Structure formats: structure tokens, C-alpha cells
């Protein structure tokens, strides 16, 4: 089959990567706008264009972050990704425990069928692994995490 199939697969992969980047920019920009409206990110990122409704500032900010990320070695990108993954997963487990204790009667689409003590015991091992993952992250990952 040869070289022509390799060329088509390469073109297909490149077009797929462009589509994924476009999706990432569009969805991440909307998340940034929502976070800015909640005052988690700078409020200047909450602005959307009046006529088109697009979050131009947030899209530009995320594009700049991605441009910097493209210049990093792959190993650093993996380290940064794992640090963010560990931190967010730990936060999700913590939210599960805290919300179960503080707001036990709040309606939810799904409820873990454990009482508080077994739930806490079930969450401790994965939370410990998340903390280990966060603690083992290299210093350069922490620099980007803190920013």
C-alpha cells in the first residue's frame, strides 16, 4: 500500500489535531469566562464580544498559555499534566467528603451508597495516591501550577 497511504494518514492526523485544538480553545475559553465571572480568574477574562458573543480575551489568554506549552519538552508537559490531575482528583474526593457531611440532604443525580465513615475510609487510599503524585511533581511543574 505504501507511501500514499502514509501520506493520507499523516494528513488525517494533522487535520484531527487541528480540530482538537479548536475544540480545546473554544471550550476552555468558555470555562475561563465562567471562572472569571465567579472571580476565580481575573475579571478581565469575563468579557465577551458584544456582537459575536465570543470570549476573545479568554481565547487569547489560553492561546498564549498553549503557545508556551508547545515550547516545553514532552516530559515536562507530562509532569504538569499529572500534577494538575492529582490536584483536581484530590479536590473532587475532598468535595465528596465535605459535601456529604455538610449537605447530606441535597438532591444529587447520583449518591455513593456508603455512610460517612465507610465513605471516608474508601476515599483515603486514592487521596493518598493523589497527594503522592502531587508531592513527587518536579519543581518546574509547580511553577506553572502556581501561576
N, C-alpha and C. Protein backbone atom coordinates (compact mmCIF):
# COMPACT_ATOMS: atom_id res chain seq x y z
N UNK A 1 0.86 -1.18 0.00
CA UNK A 1 0.00 0.00 0.00
C UNK A 1 0.89 1.23 0.00
N UNK A 2 1.87 1.29 0.86
CA UNK A 2 2.99 2.19 0.70
C UNK A 2 2.86 3.63 1.15
N UNK A 3 3.61 4.45 0.43
CA UNK A 3 3.80 5.84 0.81
C UNK A 3 2.54 6.69 0.70
N UNK A 4 1.69 6.41 -0.27
CA UNK A 4 0.50 7.24 -0.43
C UNK A 4 -0.45 7.08 0.76
N UNK A 5 -0.54 5.85 1.32
CA UNK A 5 -1.39 5.65 2.49
C UNK A 5 -0.79 6.36 3.71
N UNK A 6 0.52 6.31 3.84
CA UNK A 6 1.19 7.01 4.95
C UNK A 6 0.93 8.51 4.86
N UNK A 7 0.94 9.05 3.65
CA UNK A 7 0.68 10.47 3.47
C UNK A 7 -0.75 10.82 3.87
N UNK A 8 -1.72 10.00 3.46
CA UNK A 8 -3.11 10.27 3.82
C UNK A 8 -3.35 10.13 5.33
N UNK A 9 -2.70 9.16 5.95
CA UNK A 9 -2.83 9.01 7.40
C UNK A 9 -2.23 10.21 8.12
N UNK A 10 -1.10 10.70 7.62
CA UNK A 10 -0.47 11.89 8.20
C UNK A 10 -1.37 13.11 8.05
N UNK A 11 -1.95 13.29 6.89
CA UNK A 11 -2.87 14.42 6.67
C UNK A 11 -4.09 14.30 7.58
N UNK A 12 -4.63 13.11 7.69
CA UNK A 12 -5.78 12.89 8.57
C UNK A 12 -5.44 13.17 10.02
N UNK A 13 -4.26 12.74 10.45
CA UNK A 13 -3.83 13.02 11.82
C UNK A 13 -3.64 14.51 12.07
N UNK A 14 -3.08 15.21 11.10
CA UNK A 14 -2.88 16.65 11.25
C UNK A 14 -4.22 17.39 11.31
N UNK A 15 -5.16 17.02 10.46
CA UNK A 15 -6.48 17.65 10.49
C UNK A 15 -7.21 17.34 11.80
N UNK A 16 -7.05 16.13 12.30
CA UNK A 16 -7.65 15.78 13.58
C UNK A 16 -7.06 16.61 14.71
N UNK A 17 -5.74 16.81 14.69
CA UNK A 17 -5.08 17.62 15.72
C UNK A 17 -5.56 19.07 15.68
N UNK A 18 -5.76 19.60 14.48
CA UNK A 18 -6.27 20.97 14.37
C UNK A 18 -7.69 21.05 14.92
N UNK A 19 -8.51 20.06 14.64
CA UNK A 19 -9.87 20.03 15.17
C UNK A 19 -9.89 19.94 16.69
N UNK A 20 -9.01 19.11 17.25
CA UNK A 20 -8.93 19.00 18.70
C UNK A 20 -8.46 20.30 19.34
N UNK A 21 -7.50 20.97 18.71
CA UNK A 21 -7.03 22.26 19.23
C UNK A 21 -8.16 23.29 19.21
N UNK A 22 -8.90 23.32 18.13
CA UNK A 22 -10.03 24.25 18.01
C UNK A 22 -11.07 23.98 19.10
N UNK A 23 -11.39 22.72 19.32
CA UNK A 23 -12.34 22.35 20.37
C UNK A 23 -11.82 22.74 21.74
N UNK A 24 -10.54 22.49 21.99
CA UNK A 24 -9.93 22.85 23.27
C UNK A 24 -10.01 24.35 23.51
N UNK A 25 -9.68 25.14 22.50
CA UNK A 25 -9.73 26.60 22.65
C UNK A 25 -11.15 27.09 22.90
N UNK A 26 -12.11 26.56 22.14
CA UNK A 26 -13.49 27.02 22.29
C UNK A 26 -14.07 26.67 23.66
N UNK A 27 -13.88 25.43 24.10
CA UNK A 27 -14.46 25.03 25.38
C UNK A 27 -13.70 25.63 26.55
N UNK A 28 -12.40 25.68 26.48
CA UNK A 28 -11.60 26.23 27.59
C UNK A 28 -11.86 27.72 27.76
N UNK A 29 -12.07 28.42 26.67
CA UNK A 29 -12.36 29.85 26.77
C UNK A 29 -13.67 30.10 27.50
N UNK A 30 -14.66 29.29 27.24
CA UNK A 30 -15.95 29.44 27.93
C UNK A 30 -15.81 29.12 29.42
N UNK A 31 -15.01 28.11 29.74
CA UNK A 31 -14.75 27.78 31.14
C UNK A 31 -14.04 28.95 31.83
N UNK A 32 -13.07 29.55 31.13
CA UNK A 32 -12.35 30.70 31.69
C UNK A 32 -13.29 31.88 31.93
N UNK A 33 -14.22 32.11 31.03
CA UNK A 33 -15.20 33.19 31.21
C UNK A 33 -16.04 32.92 32.45
N UNK A 34 -16.51 31.70 32.60
CA UNK A 34 -17.32 31.35 33.77
C UNK A 34 -16.51 31.51 35.05
N UNK A 35 -15.26 31.06 35.04
CA UNK A 35 -14.41 31.20 36.23
C UNK A 35 -14.14 32.66 36.54
N UNK A 36 -13.98 33.47 35.52
CA UNK A 36 -13.75 34.91 35.74
C UNK A 36 -15.00 35.57 36.32
N UNK A 37 -16.15 35.12 35.89
CA UNK A 37 -17.40 35.69 36.43
C UNK A 37 -17.60 35.30 37.90
N UNK A 38 -17.00 34.18 38.29
CA UNK A 38 -17.06 33.75 39.69
C UNK A 38 -15.90 34.30 40.50
N UNK A 39 -15.07 35.14 39.86
CA UNK A 39 -13.90 35.77 40.47
C UNK A 39 -12.82 34.77 40.86
N UNK A 40 -12.75 33.66 40.15
CA UNK A 40 -11.67 32.70 40.34
C UNK A 40 -10.49 33.08 39.46
N UNK A 41 -10.77 33.64 38.30
CA UNK A 41 -9.76 34.17 37.38
C UNK A 41 -9.95 35.68 37.30
N UNK A 42 -8.98 36.38 36.73
CA UNK A 42 -9.13 37.84 36.60
C UNK A 42 -10.42 38.21 35.86
N UNK A 43 -11.10 39.24 36.35
CA UNK A 43 -12.39 39.61 35.79
C UNK A 43 -12.30 40.09 34.34
N UNK A 44 -11.12 40.50 33.91
CA UNK A 44 -10.98 40.94 32.52
C UNK A 44 -11.23 39.80 31.53
N UNK A 45 -11.07 38.55 31.99
CA UNK A 45 -11.32 37.40 31.11
C UNK A 45 -12.81 37.11 30.94
N UNK A 46 -13.65 37.76 31.73
CA UNK A 46 -15.09 37.51 31.65
C UNK A 46 -15.75 38.22 30.47
N UNK A 47 -15.03 39.13 29.85
CA UNK A 47 -15.62 39.92 28.77
C UNK A 47 -15.86 39.07 27.52
N UNK A 48 -17.01 39.29 26.90
CA UNK A 48 -17.30 38.66 25.61
C UNK A 48 -17.62 39.77 24.61
N UNK A 49 -17.35 39.51 23.35
CA UNK A 49 -17.61 40.48 22.29
C UNK A 49 -19.12 40.69 22.18
N UNK A 50 -19.54 41.96 22.10
CA UNK A 50 -20.97 42.26 22.12
C UNK A 50 -21.71 41.71 20.90
N UNK A 51 -21.11 41.80 19.74
CA UNK A 51 -21.81 41.38 18.53
C UNK A 51 -21.77 39.87 18.33
N UNK A 52 -20.62 39.26 18.51
CA UNK A 52 -20.49 37.84 18.22
C UNK A 52 -20.65 36.95 19.44
N UNK A 53 -20.47 37.52 20.64
CA UNK A 53 -20.59 36.72 21.85
C UNK A 53 -19.40 35.82 22.12
N UNK A 54 -18.31 36.04 21.41
CA UNK A 54 -17.13 35.20 21.61
C UNK A 54 -16.24 35.76 22.72
N UNK A 55 -15.66 34.89 23.51
CA UNK A 55 -14.77 35.34 24.58
C UNK A 55 -13.36 35.57 24.05
N UNK A 56 -13.15 36.70 23.41
CA UNK A 56 -11.88 36.96 22.74
C UNK A 56 -10.69 37.01 23.69
N UNK A 57 -10.84 37.70 24.81
CA UNK A 57 -9.72 37.81 25.76
C UNK A 57 -9.35 36.45 26.34
N UNK A 58 -10.34 35.68 26.71
CA UNK A 58 -10.07 34.35 27.27
C UNK A 58 -9.43 33.44 26.23
N UNK A 59 -9.90 33.53 24.99
CA UNK A 59 -9.31 32.72 23.92
C UNK A 59 -7.87 33.11 23.69
N UNK A 60 -7.59 34.40 23.70
CA UNK A 60 -6.21 34.87 23.52
C UNK A 60 -5.32 34.41 24.68
N UNK A 61 -5.82 34.51 25.90
CA UNK A 61 -5.03 34.10 27.06
C UNK A 61 -4.72 32.61 27.00
N UNK A 62 -5.71 31.79 26.66
CA UNK A 62 -5.48 30.34 26.57
C UNK A 62 -4.55 30.02 25.41
N UNK A 63 -4.66 30.76 24.32
CA UNK A 63 -3.75 30.55 23.18
C UNK A 63 -2.31 30.84 23.58
N UNK A 64 -2.11 31.89 24.37
CA UNK A 64 -0.76 32.21 24.82
C UNK A 64 -0.21 31.12 25.74
N UNK A 65 -1.05 30.62 26.62
CA UNK A 65 -0.61 29.53 27.51
C UNK A 65 -0.24 28.30 26.69
N UNK A 66 -1.05 27.97 25.69
CA UNK A 66 -0.75 26.82 24.84
C UNK A 66 0.50 27.04 24.01
N UNK A 67 0.75 28.27 23.58
CA UNK A 67 1.97 28.56 22.83
C UNK A 67 3.20 28.33 23.69
N UNK A 68 3.12 28.74 24.95
CA UNK A 68 4.23 28.49 25.87
C UNK A 68 4.39 26.99 26.11
N UNK A 69 3.26 26.29 26.26
CA UNK A 69 3.32 24.85 26.49
C UNK A 69 3.94 24.11 25.32
N UNK A 70 3.73 24.60 24.12
CA UNK A 70 4.31 23.94 22.94
C UNK A 70 5.84 24.01 22.94
N UNK A 71 6.39 24.98 23.63
CA UNK A 71 7.85 25.13 23.68
C UNK A 71 8.48 24.24 24.74
N UNK A 72 7.67 23.63 25.61
CA UNK A 72 8.22 22.79 26.68
C UNK A 72 8.49 21.39 26.18
N UNK A 73 9.47 20.73 26.79
CA UNK A 73 9.71 19.32 26.45
C UNK A 73 8.52 18.45 26.87
N UNK A 74 8.38 17.33 26.18
CA UNK A 74 7.25 16.43 26.43
C UNK A 74 7.24 15.95 27.88
N UNK A 75 8.39 15.64 28.45
CA UNK A 75 8.44 15.14 29.83
C UNK A 75 7.91 16.17 30.82
N UNK A 76 8.17 17.45 30.59
CA UNK A 76 7.63 18.49 31.46
C UNK A 76 6.12 18.60 31.31
N UNK A 77 5.63 18.46 30.10
CA UNK A 77 4.18 18.51 29.87
C UNK A 77 3.48 17.37 30.61
N UNK A 78 4.10 16.19 30.60
CA UNK A 78 3.53 15.05 31.32
C UNK A 78 3.53 15.34 32.82
N UNK A 79 4.63 15.88 33.33
CA UNK A 79 4.72 16.21 34.76
C UNK A 79 3.66 17.23 35.16
N UNK A 80 3.49 18.24 34.36
CA UNK A 80 2.49 19.28 34.64
C UNK A 80 1.09 18.68 34.60
N UNK A 81 0.83 17.86 33.60
CA UNK A 81 -0.48 17.23 33.47
C UNK A 81 -0.79 16.35 34.67
N UNK A 82 0.19 15.58 35.12
CA UNK A 82 -0.03 14.71 36.27
C UNK A 82 -0.23 15.50 37.55
N UNK A 83 0.47 16.62 37.70
CA UNK A 83 0.28 17.47 38.87
C UNK A 83 -1.15 18.02 38.90
N UNK A 84 -1.61 18.53 37.77
CA UNK A 84 -2.98 19.05 37.71
C UNK A 84 -4.00 17.94 37.94
N UNK A 85 -3.75 16.78 37.36
CA UNK A 85 -4.67 15.65 37.54
C UNK A 85 -4.75 15.24 39.00
N UNK A 86 -3.60 15.11 39.64
CA UNK A 86 -3.59 14.72 41.05
C UNK A 86 -4.28 15.74 41.94
N UNK A 87 -4.02 17.01 41.68
CA UNK A 87 -4.63 18.07 42.50
C UNK A 87 -6.14 18.13 42.30
N UNK A 88 -6.61 18.02 41.06
CA UNK A 88 -8.05 18.11 40.82
C UNK A 88 -8.78 16.86 41.34
N UNK A 89 -8.17 15.70 41.18
CA UNK A 89 -8.82 14.48 41.68
C UNK A 89 -8.89 14.50 43.21
N UNK A 90 -7.81 14.97 43.87
CA UNK A 90 -7.84 15.11 45.32
C UNK A 90 -8.95 16.06 45.74
N UNK A 91 -9.10 17.17 45.02
CA UNK A 91 -10.14 18.15 45.34
C UNK A 91 -11.54 17.54 45.17
N UNK A 92 -11.71 16.70 44.16
CA UNK A 92 -13.02 16.07 43.96
C UNK A 92 -13.36 15.12 45.10
N UNK A 93 -12.39 14.32 45.53
CA UNK A 93 -12.63 13.44 46.67
C UNK A 93 -12.92 14.23 47.94
N UNK A 94 -12.17 15.30 48.14
CA UNK A 94 -12.38 16.16 49.31
C UNK A 94 -13.77 16.78 49.28
N UNK A 95 -14.20 17.23 48.11
CA UNK A 95 -15.54 17.81 47.97
C UNK A 95 -16.61 16.76 48.26
N UNK A 96 -16.40 15.54 47.83
CA UNK A 96 -17.35 14.46 48.12
C UNK A 96 -17.52 14.28 49.62
N UNK A 97 -16.40 14.23 50.32
CA UNK A 97 -16.45 14.02 51.78
C UNK A 97 -17.07 15.22 52.49
N UNK A 98 -16.64 16.42 52.14
CA UNK A 98 -17.13 17.62 52.81
C UNK A 98 -18.61 17.84 52.53
N UNK A 99 -19.03 17.71 51.27
CA UNK A 99 -20.43 17.94 50.95
C UNK A 99 -21.34 16.86 51.54
N UNK A 100 -20.85 15.64 51.63
CA UNK A 100 -21.64 14.59 52.25
C UNK A 100 -21.89 14.91 53.72
N UNK A 101 -20.88 15.50 54.37
CA UNK A 101 -21.01 15.85 55.80
C UNK A 101 -21.87 17.10 56.00
N UNK A 102 -21.61 18.14 55.19
CA UNK A 102 -22.28 19.44 55.41
C UNK A 102 -23.67 19.51 54.80
N UNK A 103 -23.88 18.85 53.67
CA UNK A 103 -25.17 18.94 52.98
C UNK A 103 -25.67 17.55 52.60
N UNK A 104 -25.99 16.73 53.59
CA UNK A 104 -26.37 15.34 53.29
C UNK A 104 -27.71 15.20 52.56
N UNK A 105 -28.58 16.16 52.67
CA UNK A 105 -29.92 16.03 52.08
C UNK A 105 -30.06 16.73 50.73
N UNK A 106 -28.99 17.31 50.22
CA UNK A 106 -29.06 17.98 48.93
C UNK A 106 -29.33 16.95 47.83
N UNK A 107 -30.33 17.20 46.98
CA UNK A 107 -30.61 16.25 45.89
C UNK A 107 -29.44 16.21 44.90
N UNK A 108 -29.06 15.00 44.52
CA UNK A 108 -27.95 14.81 43.59
C UNK A 108 -28.36 13.77 42.55
N UNK A 109 -27.78 13.84 41.35
CA UNK A 109 -28.14 12.84 40.34
C UNK A 109 -27.62 11.45 40.69
N UNK A 110 -26.56 11.39 41.52
CA UNK A 110 -26.01 10.10 41.93
C UNK A 110 -25.51 10.23 43.36
N UNK A 111 -25.70 9.19 44.14
CA UNK A 111 -25.24 9.21 45.52
C UNK A 111 -24.43 7.94 45.77
N UNK A 112 -23.22 8.09 46.28
CA UNK A 112 -22.39 6.94 46.62
C UNK A 112 -23.07 6.22 47.79
N UNK A 113 -23.37 4.92 47.62
CA UNK A 113 -24.17 4.22 48.63
C UNK A 113 -23.37 3.78 49.86
N UNK A 114 -22.71 4.73 50.51
CA UNK A 114 -21.96 4.46 51.73
C UNK A 114 -22.29 5.53 52.75
N UNK A 115 -22.27 5.15 54.01
CA UNK A 115 -22.43 6.17 55.06
C UNK A 115 -21.10 6.92 55.20
N UNK A 116 -21.06 7.91 56.07
CA UNK A 116 -19.90 8.81 56.13
C UNK A 116 -18.58 8.10 56.45
N UNK A 117 -18.57 7.23 57.46
CA UNK A 117 -17.31 6.59 57.85
C UNK A 117 -16.77 5.66 56.77
N UNK A 118 -17.58 4.73 56.21
CA UNK A 118 -17.05 3.91 55.12
C UNK A 118 -16.65 4.73 53.89
N UNK A 119 -17.38 5.80 53.63
CA UNK A 119 -17.02 6.67 52.51
C UNK A 119 -15.65 7.29 52.73
N UNK A 120 -15.42 7.77 53.93
CA UNK A 120 -14.11 8.35 54.25
C UNK A 120 -13.01 7.30 54.11
N UNK A 121 -13.25 6.12 54.61
CA UNK A 121 -12.25 5.04 54.51
C UNK A 121 -12.00 4.64 53.05
N UNK A 122 -13.04 4.70 52.23
CA UNK A 122 -12.87 4.37 50.81
C UNK A 122 -12.12 5.46 50.06
N UNK A 123 -12.23 6.70 50.52
CA UNK A 123 -11.57 7.82 49.84
C UNK A 123 -10.12 8.02 50.25
N UNK A 124 -9.72 7.52 51.40
CA UNK A 124 -8.37 7.76 51.89
C UNK A 124 -7.29 7.20 50.97
N UNK A 125 -7.37 5.94 50.49
CA UNK A 125 -6.28 5.44 49.62
C UNK A 125 -6.10 6.24 48.32
N UNK A 126 -7.17 6.52 47.55
CA UNK A 126 -6.93 7.31 46.34
C UNK A 126 -6.47 8.73 46.63
N UNK A 127 -6.95 9.31 47.74
CA UNK A 127 -6.49 10.65 48.09
C UNK A 127 -5.01 10.62 48.46
N UNK A 128 -4.58 9.56 49.12
CA UNK A 128 -3.16 9.42 49.44
C UNK A 128 -2.31 9.31 48.18
N UNK A 129 -2.79 8.56 47.19
CA UNK A 129 -2.06 8.45 45.92
C UNK A 129 -2.02 9.78 45.19
N UNK A 130 -3.11 10.53 45.27
CA UNK A 130 -3.12 11.86 44.65
C UNK A 130 -2.10 12.78 45.32
N UNK A 131 -2.03 12.73 46.64
CA UNK A 131 -1.04 13.54 47.36
C UNK A 131 0.37 13.11 47.01
N UNK A 132 0.60 11.81 46.87
CA UNK A 132 1.91 11.32 46.46
C UNK A 132 2.27 11.85 45.08
N UNK A 133 1.32 11.80 44.17
CA UNK A 133 1.53 12.31 42.83
C UNK A 133 1.88 13.79 42.84
N UNK A 134 1.18 14.55 43.67
CA UNK A 134 1.43 15.99 43.78
C UNK A 134 2.80 16.25 44.41
N UNK A 135 3.14 15.49 45.43
CA UNK A 135 4.42 15.70 46.13
C UNK A 135 5.62 15.31 45.27
N UNK A 136 5.45 14.36 44.36
CA UNK A 136 6.55 13.92 43.51
C UNK A 136 6.72 14.75 42.25
N UNK A 137 5.85 15.74 42.07
CA UNK A 137 5.94 16.58 40.87
C UNK A 137 7.23 17.40 40.91
N UNK A 138 7.89 17.54 39.75
CA UNK A 138 9.13 18.31 39.71
C UNK A 138 8.88 19.81 39.90
N UNK A 139 9.91 20.55 40.28
CA UNK A 139 9.75 21.99 40.56
C UNK A 139 9.18 22.80 39.40
N UNK A 140 9.56 22.48 38.16
CA UNK A 140 9.05 23.26 37.03
C UNK A 140 7.54 23.08 36.85
N UNK A 141 7.02 21.91 37.23
CA UNK A 141 5.57 21.71 37.18
C UNK A 141 4.88 22.58 38.22
N UNK A 142 5.51 22.72 39.38
CA UNK A 142 4.93 23.55 40.44
C UNK A 142 4.90 25.02 40.04
N UNK A 143 5.92 25.46 39.31
CA UNK A 143 5.95 26.87 38.87
C UNK A 143 4.73 27.17 38.02
N UNK A 144 4.43 26.31 37.06
CA UNK A 144 3.26 26.53 36.21
C UNK A 144 1.96 26.30 36.96
N UNK A 145 1.97 25.40 37.92
CA UNK A 145 0.77 25.13 38.70
C UNK A 145 0.38 26.35 39.54
N UNK A 146 1.37 26.99 40.13
CA UNK A 146 1.12 28.15 40.98
C UNK A 146 0.69 29.36 40.15
N UNK A 147 1.22 29.48 38.94
CA UNK A 147 0.84 30.60 38.08
C UNK A 147 -0.60 30.43 37.67
